[in-house]
Amino acid sequence: MAANSSSTVSKSSGSSGGKQSGPSAEQVVATFQKMRQEQRSMASKAAELEMEINEHSLVVDTLKDVDPSRKCFRLVGGVLVERTVKEVLPALENNKEQISKIVESLNTQMQTKGRELTEYRERYNIRLVGEGEGQGQSATSSRDSEGGGLKSGAGVLVS
């Protein structure tokens, strides 16, 4: 039992001393996963807002054919209020425009996040599981692992 504990101590002290210059593989993976999750949440929010735009479009198209003095009901902050079509229609069109601007902003943020992810993957040589299979990547990665490649440092495999 004493031999096991001494070998464990020597392994942990040796690995922590050699990677002082940069983040550990676990930190790289954690940061990469966090960035991917941020991009996914942006995409999810954009899709949700696109659905709201579609709903607004349906309502606006329906209300355009209705008498402007006709009463209609609108949900505002969880409260159902009675208004006329001529009061509700401009507000709905304005909301639709605002949501469209937010979606455009989210799309540009997603593109920026995608570029950051690509740069991060290239910087730390991150490969996703199943990526590059059948595309000649195996020869490149085996050459890199043998020391024949140009990149220094081992890649990180992310599932």
Foldseek 3Di string as FASTA:
>chain_A
DVVVVVVVVVVVVVVVVVCPVDDDLVVLQVVLVVLVVVLVVLVVVLVVLVVVLVVLVVVLVVLVPDDQQDWDWDQDPNDIDIDGSVVVNVVSVVVSVVSVVVSVVSVVVSVVSVVVSVVSCVVQVEDEPPPPPPPPVVVVLVCVVVVNDPDPDHHHYHD
